[in-house]
Amino acid sequence: MTGTSNRDSVASTSSDASGSDSLETLVIGIDAGCLPVFERLFEDDRIPTIERLCSDGVTAPLESQIPPWTPSAWPSIYTGVNPGKHGAIGFVGYDGYDWHVTSNEDVNEHPFWTLLDRHDRSSVVVNAPVTHPPEEFDGAVIPGFLGPEDPDCHPVGLLDEVRDAIGEYRVYPSYTRDDDTISDAEKIEEYRSLVEMRGRAFRYLVDEFEPDLGFVQFQKTDTVFHEFDGDETSVERVYEATDAQIASILETCDPDRIFLVSDHGMGPYDGYEFRLNEFLRDEGHLETTTGGKGMPSWTPMRRRLREGEEYDTWEPGTAARVAAVAAQFGITARRLRIALERVGLADLAIKYAPGGISRTANQQVDFEESKAYVRARTELGVRINLEGRDPAGVVPPEEYDEFREELIRTLQSIETPDGEPFFETVAPRERYFHGAYVDDTVDIVTIPNGFEHTLSEQVTGCDYFGPVEPWNHKIDGVFVATGEGIDEEQSLDRAHIFDVAPTIMAAMGVPHSDRMDGSVVPIVEQVDSMSYPAYDDTDTGEQTAPDEEVTDRLADLGYLS
């Protein structure tokens, strides 16, 4: 790849200048965008630009993958392959029982912008999730979610240049979710400001680089549901800001064709949270401990990162180990909290307690001794501790198939307190994943019925079922295509996120990779696939650690405890 750009021949102009040639292809990413959300906003005329795109173009539900969450689904969109091929499984990746925050170093397949580079097509990419650290190609990229607040950009020095040109640019809000000194109205204004930053940065870079393709992603359209429980006014405010930026981009960049896509949908949840690890323990498949690290804990990690240390995991300190010993004698964090609440000191104890103590002083999964467990709820599945694959595997390979089938049958029989099946699908991983990284996925896929329920990886000693988050991800996002080369009279029942990359490339007259799992949606002229060189990740160093803002936001959203 060239690693160069067209900018040398372009004079520096303001961020909203309209003198550059029109953009050939514009890809708009709206995280969690879906027709049910759009249609409610259409009724109140909140998003007229998005409504016009949907009305003028081909519009259909876009089926997401399993799991339908940002750090795995967006790489699937821009590589056209399933997580078993690209390798980004969830918010964290694993090396045995240890973990690191997912980054672009986990994405082991070419995104469509580097494939376009091989055909002398340039791109500008703004805020695409899991693109830090960026690769070199003809164009520019400012990474988004899961990267640090001041991400490395391509070309080097780009972020400083963008800030000089447009003013402030940040990846994350300037507050944390539990900051009660900021009103909800102020938080929403911060969201709207972040949305505006995406649009201004994108317009500036398109004017500077004159790319063939532009890709801009808006993340707050998802986060507003999680943080504000789907509050109608909050959602409207964020979507109005997003629509306004899309309108400005269309006016300034004048794209020949437009694709609008999302990684999954969003909707209300009316079911239950199911504590699957609690169930597995009672079934005799999972062991617990009070002295281990457990699953990723952001509290100690955040503290170390604030002190300037870069690392991917944590080890319990002296205080945490003392708490773990106490827990063995029944003095758990839960019992301490109850006692403190009685004398009005619970908040004070929480504020000043050393990070990580609550995790080591409570029961947690003993991964090395367990036969099966849930690593993270967002993986939607159960991992089997397989001998020869996992560092301390306890299930012999010759027993794997039988054990997995037995566990599948057991999970299929689980019912909610209302007597309804909890799972819509319990299936071997092969139904959803294939490729070189399939062993990094779960062994059993567990999909809650109708995406009305959620899973929990916590071992609490409580009942299996609890209350569910009121709004969360749905399987159907949205696909919209309009403009030059798009057959807008063609009906389309639905598409799949694996189809997005090959369809975009075909619309530009460029062959997609024959390794892509998706196909060209029949609204553009078909272009045969071709064989591209295998993805060559020569970086064998340690994973890049996130900074404080990354861990804060993941903790804020509750994706990991």
Protein backbone atom coordinates (compact mmCIF):
# COMPACT_ATOMS: atom_id res chain seq x y z
CA MET A 1 0.00 0.00 0.00
CA THR A 2 1.15 3.47 -0.74
CA GLY A 3 0.61 5.21 2.59
CA THR A 4 0.40 8.49 0.65
CA SER A 5 -2.42 10.93 -0.01
CA ASN A 6 -3.77 13.42 -2.50
CA ARG A 7 -3.37 16.29 -0.07
CA ASP A 8 -0.07 17.61 -1.47
CA SER A 9 -1.95 19.16 -4.37
CA VAL A 10 -4.69 20.63 -2.22
CA ALA A 11 -4.50 24.03 -0.62
CA SER A 12 -5.42 24.25 3.03
CA THR A 13 -9.01 25.44 3.45
CA SER A 14 -11.54 25.81 6.22
CA SER A 15 -13.42 22.83 7.65
CA ASP A 16 -16.70 23.64 5.91
CA ALA A 17 -15.33 24.71 2.53
CA SER A 18 -17.19 23.35 -0.47
CA GLY A 19 -14.66 23.81 -3.20
CA SER A 20 -13.43 20.22 -3.43
CA ASP A 21 -14.66 17.73 -5.99
CA SER A 22 -17.68 15.67 -4.99
CA LEU A 23 -17.12 12.54 -2.95
CA GLU A 24 -17.70 9.36 -4.95
CA THR A 25 -18.99 7.17 -2.10
CA LEU A 26 -20.13 8.18 1.38
CA VAL A 27 -20.66 5.56 4.10
CA ILE A 28 -22.53 6.77 7.18
CA GLY A 29 -22.39 4.56 10.24
CA ILE A 30 -25.11 5.04 12.86
CA ASP A 31 -24.44 2.81 15.83
CA ALA A 32 -27.64 0.99 16.89
CA GLY A 33 -29.59 2.67 14.08
CA CYS A 34 -32.70 0.72 13.11
CA LEU A 35 -36.07 1.25 11.46
CA PRO A 36 -38.20 1.08 14.65
CA VAL A 37 -36.15 3.92 16.18
CA PHE A 38 -36.06 5.86 12.92
CA GLU A 39 -39.79 5.57 12.28
CA ARG A 40 -40.73 6.99 15.67
CA LEU A 41 -38.42 9.95 14.97
CA PHE A 42 -39.86 10.32 11.46
CA GLU A 43 -43.32 10.86 12.94
CA ASP A 44 -42.10 13.92 14.83
CA ASP A 45 -39.94 15.17 11.93
CA ARG A 46 -36.81 14.90 14.09
CA ILE A 47 -34.48 13.45 11.47
CA PRO A 48 -35.57 14.79 8.05
CA THR A 49 -32.25 14.05 6.32
CA ILE A 50 -32.21 10.40 7.38
CA GLU A 51 -35.89 10.14 6.46
CA ARG A 52 -35.17 11.50 2.98
CA LEU A 53 -32.34 9.00 2.47
CA CYS A 54 -34.61 6.14 3.52
CA SER A 55 -37.44 7.36 1.29
CA ASP A 56 -35.31 8.02 -1.79
CA GLY A 57 -33.13 4.94 -1.60
CA VAL A 58 -33.30 1.22 -1.03
CA THR A 59 -34.01 0.61 2.66
CA ALA A 60 -34.09 -2.70 4.50
CA PRO A 61 -33.31 -4.29 7.86
CA LEU A 62 -29.62 -5.18 8.19
CA GLU A 63 -29.20 -8.44 10.09
CA SER A 64 -26.34 -8.28 12.55
CA GLN A 65 -24.00 -11.07 13.53
CA ILE A 66 -23.60 -12.97 16.76
CA PRO A 67 -22.60 -11.29 18.99
CA PRO A 68 -24.31 -8.03 17.94
CA TRP A 69 -22.04 -5.63 19.78
CA THR A 70 -19.88 -2.73 18.58
CA PRO A 71 -16.30 -4.07 18.91
CA SER A 72 -17.02 -7.22 16.93
CA ALA A 73 -19.80 -6.13 14.57
CA TRP A 74 -18.14 -3.02 13.09
CA PRO A 75 -15.00 -4.99 12.10
CA SER A 76 -17.36 -7.49 10.45
CA ILE A 77 -18.98 -4.63 8.52
CA TYR A 78 -15.76 -3.19 7.17
CA THR A 79 -13.98 -6.51 6.53
CA GLY A 80 -16.96 -8.51 5.30
CA VAL A 81 -16.02 -11.56 7.39
CA ASN A 82 -17.27 -13.22 10.56
CA PRO A 83 -15.46 -12.90 13.92
CA GLY A 84 -13.93 -16.35 13.48
CA LYS A 85 -12.02 -14.92 10.52
CA HIS A 86 -11.18 -11.38 11.65
CA GLY A 87 -10.56 -12.26 15.31
CA ALA A 88 -12.29 -9.41 17.20
CA ILE A 89 -14.70 -11.34 19.40
CA GLY A 90 -15.80 -8.78 21.97
CA PHE A 91 -14.72 -5.88 24.14
CA VAL A 92 -11.70 -7.85 25.27
CA GLY A 93 -9.53 -10.48 23.64
CA TYR A 94 -8.02 -13.40 25.51
CA ASP A 95 -4.66 -15.07 25.80
CA GLY A 96 -5.57 -18.13 27.81
CA TYR A 97 -7.30 -16.76 30.91
CA ASP A 98 -5.64 -13.35 30.63
CA TRP A 99 -7.09 -10.52 28.57
CA HIS A 100 -6.53 -7.23 26.82
CA VAL A 101 -8.88 -4.55 25.52
CA THR A 102 -9.73 -5.20 21.88
CA SER A 103 -7.90 -3.03 19.36
CA ASN A 104 -7.13 -2.94 15.66
CA GLU A 105 -4.30 -5.35 16.43
CA ASP A 106 -7.01 -7.98 16.95
CA VAL A 107 -8.59 -7.38 13.52
CA ASN A 108 -6.82 -9.79 11.19
CA GLU A 109 -8.47 -9.08 7.88
CA HIS A 110 -8.33 -6.20 5.41
CA PRO A 111 -10.92 -3.42 5.82
CA PHE A 112 -12.45 -2.25 2.56
CA TRP A 113 -10.48 1.02 2.60
CA THR A 114 -7.12 -0.79 2.40
CA LEU A 115 -8.49 -3.00 -0.39
CA LEU A 116 -9.60 0.13 -2.24
CA ASP A 117 -6.07 1.47 -1.80
CA ARG A 118 -4.81 -1.45 -3.89
CA HIS A 119 -6.97 -0.13 -6.74
CA ASP A 120 -5.70 3.45 -6.38
CA ARG A 121 -8.80 4.59 -4.48
CA SER A 122 -8.32 6.78 -1.43
CA SER A 123 -10.41 7.00 1.73
CA VAL A 124 -11.09 9.18 4.77
CA VAL A 125 -12.30 7.31 7.87
CA VAL A 126 -13.54 9.13 10.98
CA ASN A 127 -14.56 7.50 14.27
CA ALA A 128 -14.79 3.90 13.02
CA PRO A 129 -14.64 1.61 16.09
CA VAL A 130 -11.64 -0.66 16.65
CA THR A 131 -9.32 1.13 14.21
CA HIS A 132 -6.61 2.08 16.71
CA PRO A 133 -3.72 1.86 16.07
CA PRO A 134 -4.42 2.69 12.40
CA GLU A 135 -2.94 1.09 9.32
CA GLU A 136 -1.36 3.04 6.48
CA PHE A 137 -3.28 3.58 3.26
CA ASP A 138 -3.94 6.35 0.78
CA GLY A 139 -6.00 8.73 2.87
CA ALA A 140 -6.63 9.50 6.52
CA VAL A 141 -8.14 7.95 9.64
CA ILE A 142 -9.10 9.21 13.09
CA PRO A 143 -9.91 6.11 15.20
CA GLY A 144 -12.99 5.91 17.40
CA PHE A 145 -14.41 3.79 20.22
CA LEU A 146 -12.04 1.51 22.17
CA GLY A 147 -9.07 3.63 21.15
CA PRO A 148 -7.54 6.16 23.56
CA GLU A 149 -8.72 9.74 23.95
CA ASP A 150 -5.75 11.00 21.93
CA PRO A 151 -5.48 8.18 19.39
CA ASP A 152 -2.66 7.63 16.97
CA CYS A 153 -3.96 8.76 13.59
CA HIS A 154 -2.90 8.31 10.01
CA PRO A 155 -1.00 10.24 8.76
CA VAL A 156 1.10 11.00 11.85
CA GLY A 157 0.22 14.38 13.33
CA LEU A 158 -3.28 14.39 11.79
CA LEU A 159 -5.12 14.85 15.09
CA ASP A 160 -3.21 18.01 15.97
CA GLU A 161 -3.89 19.35 12.49
CA VAL A 162 -7.61 18.64 12.80
CA ARG A 163 -7.77 20.34 16.19
CA ASP A 164 -5.96 23.36 14.81
CA ALA A 165 -8.45 23.55 11.95
CA ILE A 166 -11.80 22.88 13.65
CA GLY A 167 -11.15 23.43 17.35
CA GLU A 168 -11.74 20.79 20.00
CA TYR A 169 -11.89 17.13 18.99
CA ARG A 170 -12.42 14.32 21.49
CA VAL A 171 -13.34 10.64 21.26
CA TYR A 172 -15.13 10.44 24.61
CA PRO A 173 -17.31 12.70 26.78
CA SER A 174 -15.54 14.91 29.30
CA TYR A 175 -17.42 13.34 32.23
CA THR A 176 -17.97 9.86 33.63
CA ARG A 177 -21.38 8.28 33.89
CA ASP A 178 -21.52 8.41 37.70
CA ASP A 179 -20.63 12.12 37.83
CA ASP A 180 -23.69 13.57 39.58
CA THR A 181 -22.30 17.11 39.45
CA ILE A 182 -23.41 17.34 35.80
CA SER A 183 -27.09 17.43 34.91
CA ASP A 184 -28.62 15.10 32.35
CA ALA A 185 -29.26 18.11 30.09
CA GLU A 186 -25.55 19.02 30.24
CA LYS A 187 -24.59 15.44 29.44
CA ILE A 188 -26.81 15.41 26.39
CA GLU A 189 -25.27 18.68 25.22
CA GLU A 190 -21.88 16.99 25.56
CA TYR A 191 -23.15 14.14 23.37
CA ARG A 192 -24.36 16.62 20.77
CA SER A 193 -20.99 18.35 20.85
CA LEU A 194 -19.21 15.04 20.19
CA VAL A 195 -21.54 14.37 17.26
CA GLU A 196 -20.71 17.80 15.83
CA MET A 197 -16.97 17.09 16.20
CA ARG A 198 -17.34 13.99 14.02
CA GLY A 199 -19.06 15.95 11.27
CA ARG A 200 -16.66 18.90 11.33
CA ALA A 201 -13.58 16.66 11.33
CA PHE A 202 -14.97 14.57 8.49
CA ARG A 203 -15.80 17.57 6.31
CA TYR A 204 -12.38 19.07 6.92
CA LEU A 205 -10.57 15.86 5.99
CA VAL A 206 -12.65 15.28 2.86
CA ASP A 207 -11.80 18.78 1.72
CA GLU A 208 -8.11 18.26 2.49
CA PHE A 209 -7.63 14.77 1.06
CA GLU A 210 -10.27 14.66 -1.70
CA PRO A 211 -10.85 10.92 -1.20
CA ASP A 212 -12.86 8.56 -3.34
CA LEU A 213 -14.60 7.13 -0.28
CA GLY A 214 -15.55 8.65 3.05
CA PHE A 215 -16.66 6.72 6.14
CA VAL A 216 -17.96 8.58 9.20
CA GLN A 217 -19.46 6.82 12.23
CA PHE A 218 -21.67 8.21 14.99
CA GLN A 219 -21.48 6.30 18.28
CA LYS A 220 -23.67 8.34 20.63
CA THR A 221 -26.83 7.11 18.90
CA ASP A 222 -26.16 3.86 20.77
CA THR A 223 -24.78 5.18 24.04
CA VAL A 224 -27.74 7.46 24.70
CA PHE A 225 -30.00 4.41 25.07
CA HIS A 226 -27.68 2.70 27.55
CA GLU A 227 -26.94 5.75 29.67
CA PHE A 228 -30.39 7.33 29.66
CA ASP A 229 -32.52 4.16 29.55
CA GLY A 230 -34.07 5.11 26.23
CA ASP A 231 -35.41 8.45 27.50
CA GLU A 232 -37.36 9.82 24.54
CA THR A 233 -36.19 13.42 24.82
CA SER A 234 -32.53 12.42 25.19
CA VAL A 235 -32.72 10.13 22.16
CA GLU A 236 -34.39 12.86 20.10
CA ARG A 237 -31.71 15.41 20.98
CA VAL A 238 -28.85 13.11 20.01
CA TYR A 239 -30.50 11.98 16.78
CA GLU A 240 -31.35 15.57 15.81
CA ALA A 241 -27.67 16.50 16.16
CA THR A 242 -26.66 13.45 14.13
CA ASP A 243 -29.15 14.26 11.38
CA ALA A 244 -27.89 17.86 11.22
CA GLN A 245 -24.31 16.68 10.75
CA ILE A 246 -25.35 14.26 8.03
CA ALA A 247 -27.15 17.12 6.27
CA SER A 248 -24.03 19.30 6.43
CA ILE A 249 -21.87 16.46 5.11
CA LEU A 250 -24.22 15.89 2.17
CA GLU A 251 -24.25 19.58 1.32
CA THR A 252 -20.51 20.05 1.63
CA CYS A 253 -19.21 16.77 0.20
CA ASP A 254 -21.89 16.20 -2.47
CA PRO A 255 -21.47 12.40 -2.63
CA ASP A 256 -22.39 10.51 -5.80
CA ARG A 257 -23.75 7.60 -3.78
CA ILE A 258 -24.58 7.06 -0.12
CA PHE A 259 -24.73 4.03 2.14
CA LEU A 260 -26.15 4.30 5.64
CA VAL A 261 -25.55 1.26 7.83
CA SER A 262 -25.60 0.18 11.47
CA ASP A 263 -23.99 -2.61 13.46
CA HIS A 264 -27.19 -3.74 15.23
CA GLY A 265 -30.55 -2.40 16.32
CA MET A 266 -31.89 -1.10 19.61
CA GLY A 267 -35.10 -1.71 21.47
CA PRO A 268 -36.87 -2.19 24.81
CA TYR A 269 -36.23 -5.32 26.87
CA ASP A 270 -39.12 -6.85 28.82
CA GLY A 271 -37.47 -10.01 30.09
CA TYR A 272 -34.91 -11.10 32.64
CA GLU A 273 -31.19 -11.16 33.30
CA PHE A 274 -29.97 -14.75 33.69
CA ARG A 275 -26.89 -15.43 35.81
CA LEU A 276 -25.55 -18.26 33.72
CA ASN A 277 -22.35 -18.83 35.70
CA GLU A 278 -24.46 -19.29 38.85
CA PHE A 279 -26.40 -21.96 36.99
CA LEU A 280 -23.25 -23.67 35.72
CA ARG A 281 -21.88 -23.79 39.26
CA ASP A 282 -24.99 -25.51 40.54
CA GLU A 283 -24.75 -27.98 37.65
CA GLY A 284 -21.25 -28.90 38.81
CA HIS A 285 -19.41 -27.42 35.81
CA LEU A 286 -17.99 -24.27 37.38
CA GLU A 287 -15.73 -23.67 40.37
CA THR A 288 -15.32 -20.40 42.25
CA THR A 289 -12.56 -18.72 44.20
CA THR A 290 -12.17 -15.63 46.37
CA GLY A 291 -8.50 -15.05 45.72
CA GLY A 292 -8.11 -14.76 41.97
CA LYS A 293 -8.27 -11.89 39.50
CA GLY A 294 -11.62 -12.80 38.02
CA MET A 295 -12.92 -11.13 34.92
CA PRO A 296 -11.64 -7.70 33.86
CA SER A 297 -12.05 -5.11 36.60
CA TRP A 298 -11.77 -1.51 35.50
CA THR A 299 -11.28 0.03 38.94
CA PRO A 300 -7.65 -0.97 39.58
CA MET A 301 -6.82 -0.72 35.91
CA ARG A 302 -8.13 2.83 35.77
CA ARG A 303 -6.08 3.79 38.82
CA ARG A 304 -2.85 2.41 37.37
CA LEU A 305 -3.47 4.06 34.02
CA ARG A 306 -4.03 7.39 35.76
CA GLU A 307 -0.58 6.95 37.28
CA GLY A 308 0.94 6.55 33.83
CA GLU A 309 1.38 2.78 33.72
CA GLU A 310 0.48 0.94 30.52
CA TYR A 311 -0.68 -2.62 30.91
CA ASP A 312 -3.52 -4.89 29.95
CA THR A 313 -4.52 -6.70 33.14
CA TRP A 314 -4.10 -6.48 36.89
CA GLU A 315 -2.96 -8.48 39.87
CA PRO A 316 -4.62 -8.23 43.30
CA GLY A 317 -2.63 -6.07 45.73
CA THR A 318 -1.98 -6.69 49.42
CA ALA A 319 -5.29 -5.22 50.59
CA ALA A 320 -7.22 -7.25 48.04
CA ARG A 321 -5.45 -10.44 49.08
CA VAL A 322 -6.27 -9.77 52.75
CA ALA A 323 -9.91 -9.27 51.77
CA ALA A 324 -9.81 -12.57 49.88
CA VAL A 325 -8.55 -14.41 52.96
CA ALA A 326 -11.27 -12.78 55.05
CA ALA A 327 -13.84 -13.93 52.49
CA GLN A 328 -12.76 -17.51 53.05
CA PHE A 329 -14.04 -17.10 56.62
CA GLY A 330 -17.33 -15.61 55.50
CA ILE A 331 -16.40 -11.92 55.69
CA THR A 332 -17.45 -10.93 52.18
CA ALA A 333 -17.78 -7.52 50.59
CA ARG A 334 -21.54 -7.96 50.54
CA ARG A 335 -21.70 -8.59 54.29
CA LEU A 336 -19.40 -5.65 54.97
CA ARG A 337 -21.57 -3.38 52.86
CA ILE A 338 -24.73 -4.43 54.72
CA ALA A 339 -23.04 -3.69 58.04
CA LEU A 340 -21.77 -0.32 56.84
CA GLU A 341 -25.17 0.64 55.46
CA ARG A 342 -26.65 0.15 58.89
CA VAL A 343 -24.35 2.84 60.33
CA GLY A 344 -24.49 5.15 57.32
CA LEU A 345 -20.91 4.60 56.10
CA ALA A 346 -21.41 2.60 52.92
CA ASP A 347 -20.81 5.48 50.49
CA LEU A 348 -17.66 6.53 52.34
CA ALA A 349 -16.29 2.99 52.29
CA ILE A 350 -17.00 2.62 48.57
CA LYS A 351 -15.30 5.93 47.79
CA TYR A 352 -12.06 5.12 49.56
CA ALA A 353 -11.83 1.34 49.29
CA PRO A 354 -8.79 0.13 47.30
CA GLY A 355 -9.79 -0.86 43.77
CA GLY A 356 -10.31 -4.56 43.16
CA ILE A 357 -11.04 -5.55 46.77
CA SER A 358 -14.72 -6.11 46.10
CA ARG A 359 -13.84 -8.52 43.31
CA THR A 360 -11.28 -10.55 45.22
CA ALA A 361 -13.44 -10.58 48.36
CA ASN A 362 -16.43 -12.07 46.55
CA GLN A 363 -16.84 -15.35 44.77
CA GLN A 364 -15.72 -15.35 41.17
CA VAL A 365 -15.07 -17.90 38.47
CA ASP A 366 -12.00 -20.07 38.94
CA PHE A 367 -11.25 -20.44 35.25
CA GLU A 368 -8.48 -23.00 35.60
CA GLU A 369 -10.60 -25.38 37.68
CA SER A 370 -13.90 -24.97 35.84
CA LYS A 371 -15.19 -27.13 33.01
CA ALA A 372 -17.37 -24.42 31.46
CA TYR A 373 -18.05 -20.74 32.12
CA VAL A 374 -19.19 -17.43 30.66
CA ARG A 375 -16.26 -15.03 30.14
CA ALA A 376 -18.31 -11.94 29.32
CA ARG A 377 -22.06 -11.51 28.89
CA THR A 378 -21.63 -9.75 25.55
CA GLU A 379 -20.03 -12.86 24.00
CA LEU A 380 -23.42 -14.62 24.14
CA GLY A 381 -21.96 -17.99 24.88
CA VAL A 382 -20.24 -20.55 27.06
CA ARG A 383 -16.55 -21.34 26.90
CA ILE A 384 -15.38 -24.90 27.62
CA ASN A 385 -12.04 -25.28 29.41
CA LEU A 386 -10.53 -27.65 26.87
CA GLU A 387 -7.37 -29.61 27.54
CA GLY A 388 -4.69 -28.90 24.92
CA ARG A 389 -6.26 -25.59 23.90
CA ASP A 390 -6.62 -23.72 27.17
CA PRO A 391 -3.60 -23.41 29.50
CA ALA A 392 -5.14 -25.48 32.31
CA GLY A 393 -7.85 -27.28 30.37
CA VAL A 394 -9.76 -29.92 32.32
CA VAL A 395 -12.08 -31.34 29.64
CA PRO A 396 -10.21 -34.02 27.61
CA PRO A 397 -10.57 -33.65 23.82
CA GLU A 398 -12.16 -37.07 23.54
CA GLU A 399 -14.95 -35.94 25.90
CA TYR A 400 -15.49 -32.52 24.31
CA ASP A 401 -18.28 -33.38 21.85
CA GLU A 402 -20.31 -35.40 24.32
CA PHE A 403 -19.91 -32.81 27.09
CA ARG A 404 -20.86 -29.98 24.76
CA GLU A 405 -23.96 -31.77 23.48
CA GLU A 406 -25.04 -32.57 27.02
CA LEU A 407 -24.58 -28.95 28.06
CA ILE A 408 -26.48 -27.71 25.00
CA ARG A 409 -29.46 -29.90 25.90
CA THR A 410 -29.37 -28.68 29.48
CA LEU A 411 -29.29 -25.02 28.46
CA GLN A 412 -32.08 -25.50 25.94
CA SER A 413 -34.36 -26.60 28.78
CA ILE A 414 -33.94 -23.42 30.86
CA GLU A 415 -37.17 -21.50 31.39
CA THR A 416 -37.90 -18.01 32.68
CA PRO A 417 -39.89 -17.55 35.90
CA ASP A 418 -42.89 -17.18 33.57
CA GLY A 419 -42.38 -20.69 32.20
CA GLU A 420 -41.16 -19.58 28.78
CA PRO A 421 -37.93 -20.76 27.10
CA PHE A 422 -35.13 -18.37 28.03
CA PHE A 423 -32.98 -19.14 24.99
CA GLU A 424 -34.04 -18.76 21.39
CA THR A 425 -30.97 -20.66 20.22
CA VAL A 426 -28.40 -22.83 21.94
CA ALA A 427 -26.03 -24.18 19.31
CA PRO A 428 -22.45 -25.25 18.60
CA ARG A 429 -20.20 -22.36 17.63
CA GLU A 430 -19.75 -23.75 14.12
CA ARG A 431 -23.18 -22.45 13.20
CA TYR A 432 -21.94 -18.86 13.59
CA PHE A 433 -18.14 -18.84 13.45
CA HIS A 434 -15.53 -20.25 11.12
CA GLY A 435 -11.99 -19.29 10.28
CA ALA A 436 -8.50 -19.17 11.74
CA TYR A 437 -9.69 -17.57 15.00
CA VAL A 438 -12.64 -19.83 15.74
CA ASP A 439 -10.85 -21.22 18.80
CA ASP A 440 -10.93 -17.72 20.31
CA THR A 441 -14.73 -17.71 20.30
CA VAL A 442 -17.17 -19.40 22.64
CA ASP A 443 -17.88 -23.12 22.27
CA ILE A 444 -21.64 -22.86 22.71
CA VAL A 445 -23.64 -19.92 21.38
CA THR A 446 -26.53 -18.91 23.65
CA ILE A 447 -28.99 -16.39 22.17
CA PRO A 448 -31.70 -15.09 24.52
CA ASN A 449 -35.24 -15.46 23.21
CA GLY A 450 -36.22 -12.54 21.00
CA PHE A 451 -33.38 -10.46 22.44
CA GLU A 452 -35.73 -9.66 25.34
CA HIS A 453 -33.34 -11.07 27.97
CA THR A 454 -29.67 -10.62 28.88
CA LEU A 455 -26.95 -12.80 30.34
CA SER A 456 -24.72 -12.10 33.32
CA GLU A 457 -21.31 -13.60 34.05
CA GLN A 458 -21.46 -12.68 37.75
CA VAL A 459 -21.48 -15.26 40.52
CA THR A 460 -23.50 -13.63 43.28
CA GLY A 461 -24.98 -16.44 45.36
CA CYS A 462 -28.42 -15.03 44.50
CA ASP A 463 -31.25 -16.38 42.37
CA TYR A 464 -30.61 -17.17 38.71
CA PHE A 465 -32.91 -14.42 37.45
CA GLY A 466 -32.92 -10.67 38.01
CA PRO A 467 -34.13 -7.44 36.41
CA VAL A 468 -32.97 -6.57 32.92
CA GLU A 469 -31.61 -3.34 31.45
CA PRO A 470 -34.64 -1.57 29.90
CA TRP A 471 -33.03 -0.90 26.48
CA ASN A 472 -30.44 -2.99 24.71
CA HIS A 473 -29.33 -4.41 21.38
CA LYS A 474 -31.61 -6.02 18.81
CA ILE A 475 -30.46 -8.18 15.91
CA ASP A 476 -31.77 -5.97 13.07
CA GLY A 477 -29.99 -2.74 12.21
CA VAL A 478 -30.57 -0.77 9.01
CA PHE A 479 -29.22 -0.68 5.45
CA VAL A 480 -29.86 2.28 3.15
CA ALA A 481 -28.37 2.86 -0.31
CA THR A 482 -29.07 5.67 -2.74
CA GLY A 483 -27.41 7.52 -5.58
CA GLU A 484 -25.34 6.73 -8.65
CA GLY A 485 -25.30 3.06 -9.62
CA ILE A 486 -27.95 2.08 -7.05
CA ASP A 487 -31.08 0.44 -8.44
CA GLU A 488 -33.50 2.30 -6.23
CA GLU A 489 -36.48 0.47 -7.77
CA GLN A 490 -35.13 -2.89 -6.61
CA SER A 491 -36.96 -4.32 -3.61
CA LEU A 492 -34.82 -5.69 -0.81
CA ASP A 493 -36.27 -7.69 2.07
CA ARG A 494 -33.12 -7.61 4.18
CA ALA A 495 -29.33 -7.72 4.02
CA HIS A 496 -26.58 -8.98 6.34
CA ILE A 497 -23.72 -6.97 7.79
CA PHE A 498 -21.26 -9.26 6.00
CA ASP A 499 -22.78 -7.94 2.73
CA VAL A 500 -21.88 -4.30 3.39
CA ALA A 501 -18.19 -4.38 2.39
CA PRO A 502 -18.62 -6.34 -0.87
CA THR A 503 -21.59 -4.18 -1.88
CA ILE A 504 -19.72 -0.91 -1.29
CA MET A 505 -16.76 -2.15 -3.29
CA ALA A 506 -18.97 -3.39 -6.14
CA ALA A 507 -20.75 -0.03 -6.28
CA MET A 508 -17.33 1.53 -6.85
CA GLY A 509 -16.52 -1.01 -9.57
CA VAL A 510 -13.88 -2.73 -7.44
CA PRO A 511 -13.76 -6.51 -6.82
CA HIS A 512 -14.21 -7.57 -3.22
CA SER A 513 -12.11 -10.22 -1.51
CA ASP A 514 -13.02 -13.85 -2.14
CA ARG A 515 -12.50 -14.42 1.59
CA MET A 516 -15.50 -12.24 2.48
CA ASP A 517 -18.46 -14.12 3.91
CA GLY A 518 -21.00 -11.70 2.49
CA SER A 519 -22.16 -11.17 -1.08
CA VAL A 520 -23.00 -8.18 -3.25
CA VAL A 521 -26.55 -7.03 -2.55
CA PRO A 522 -28.45 -7.10 -5.90
CA ILE A 523 -29.07 -3.35 -6.00
CA VAL A 524 -25.71 -2.63 -7.67
CA GLU A 525 -24.02 -4.12 -10.68
CA GLN A 526 -22.26 -7.33 -9.76
CA VAL A 527 -18.45 -7.35 -9.77
CA ASP A 528 -16.61 -10.65 -9.45
CA SER A 529 -14.50 -11.19 -6.38
CA MET A 530 -10.75 -11.66 -6.52
CA SER A 531 -8.02 -13.08 -4.33
CA TYR A 532 -6.14 -10.52 -2.22
CA PRO A 533 -2.96 -11.25 -0.28
CA ALA A 534 -3.62 -12.75 3.12
CA TYR A 535 -3.67 -10.32 6.00
CA ASP A 536 -0.11 -10.11 7.32
CA ASP A 537 0.07 -8.96 10.90
CA THR A 538 3.80 -8.85 11.58
CA ASP A 539 3.45 -7.04 14.91
CA THR A 540 4.15 -9.63 17.58
CA GLY A 541 4.55 -7.15 20.40
CA GLU A 542 2.22 -6.59 23.32
CA GLN A 543 -1.26 -5.24 22.82
CA THR A 544 -1.67 -1.49 23.08
CA ALA A 545 -3.18 -0.56 26.44
CA PRO A 546 -6.17 1.81 26.53
CA ASP A 547 -6.06 5.02 28.51
CA GLU A 548 -8.31 6.09 31.36
CA GLU A 549 -11.12 7.40 29.17
CA VAL A 550 -11.50 4.06 27.37
CA THR A 551 -11.84 2.08 30.56
CA ASP A 552 -14.13 4.69 32.10
CA ARG A 553 -16.54 4.55 29.18
CA LEU A 554 -16.60 0.75 29.02
CA ALA A 555 -17.27 0.66 32.75
CA ASP A 556 -19.93 3.36 32.35
CA LEU A 557 -21.79 1.26 29.80
CA GLY A 558 -21.60 -1.86 31.94
CA TYR A 559 -20.10 -4.01 29.19
CA LEU A 560 -17.56 -5.31 31.68
CA SER A 561 -17.71 -5.12 35.45
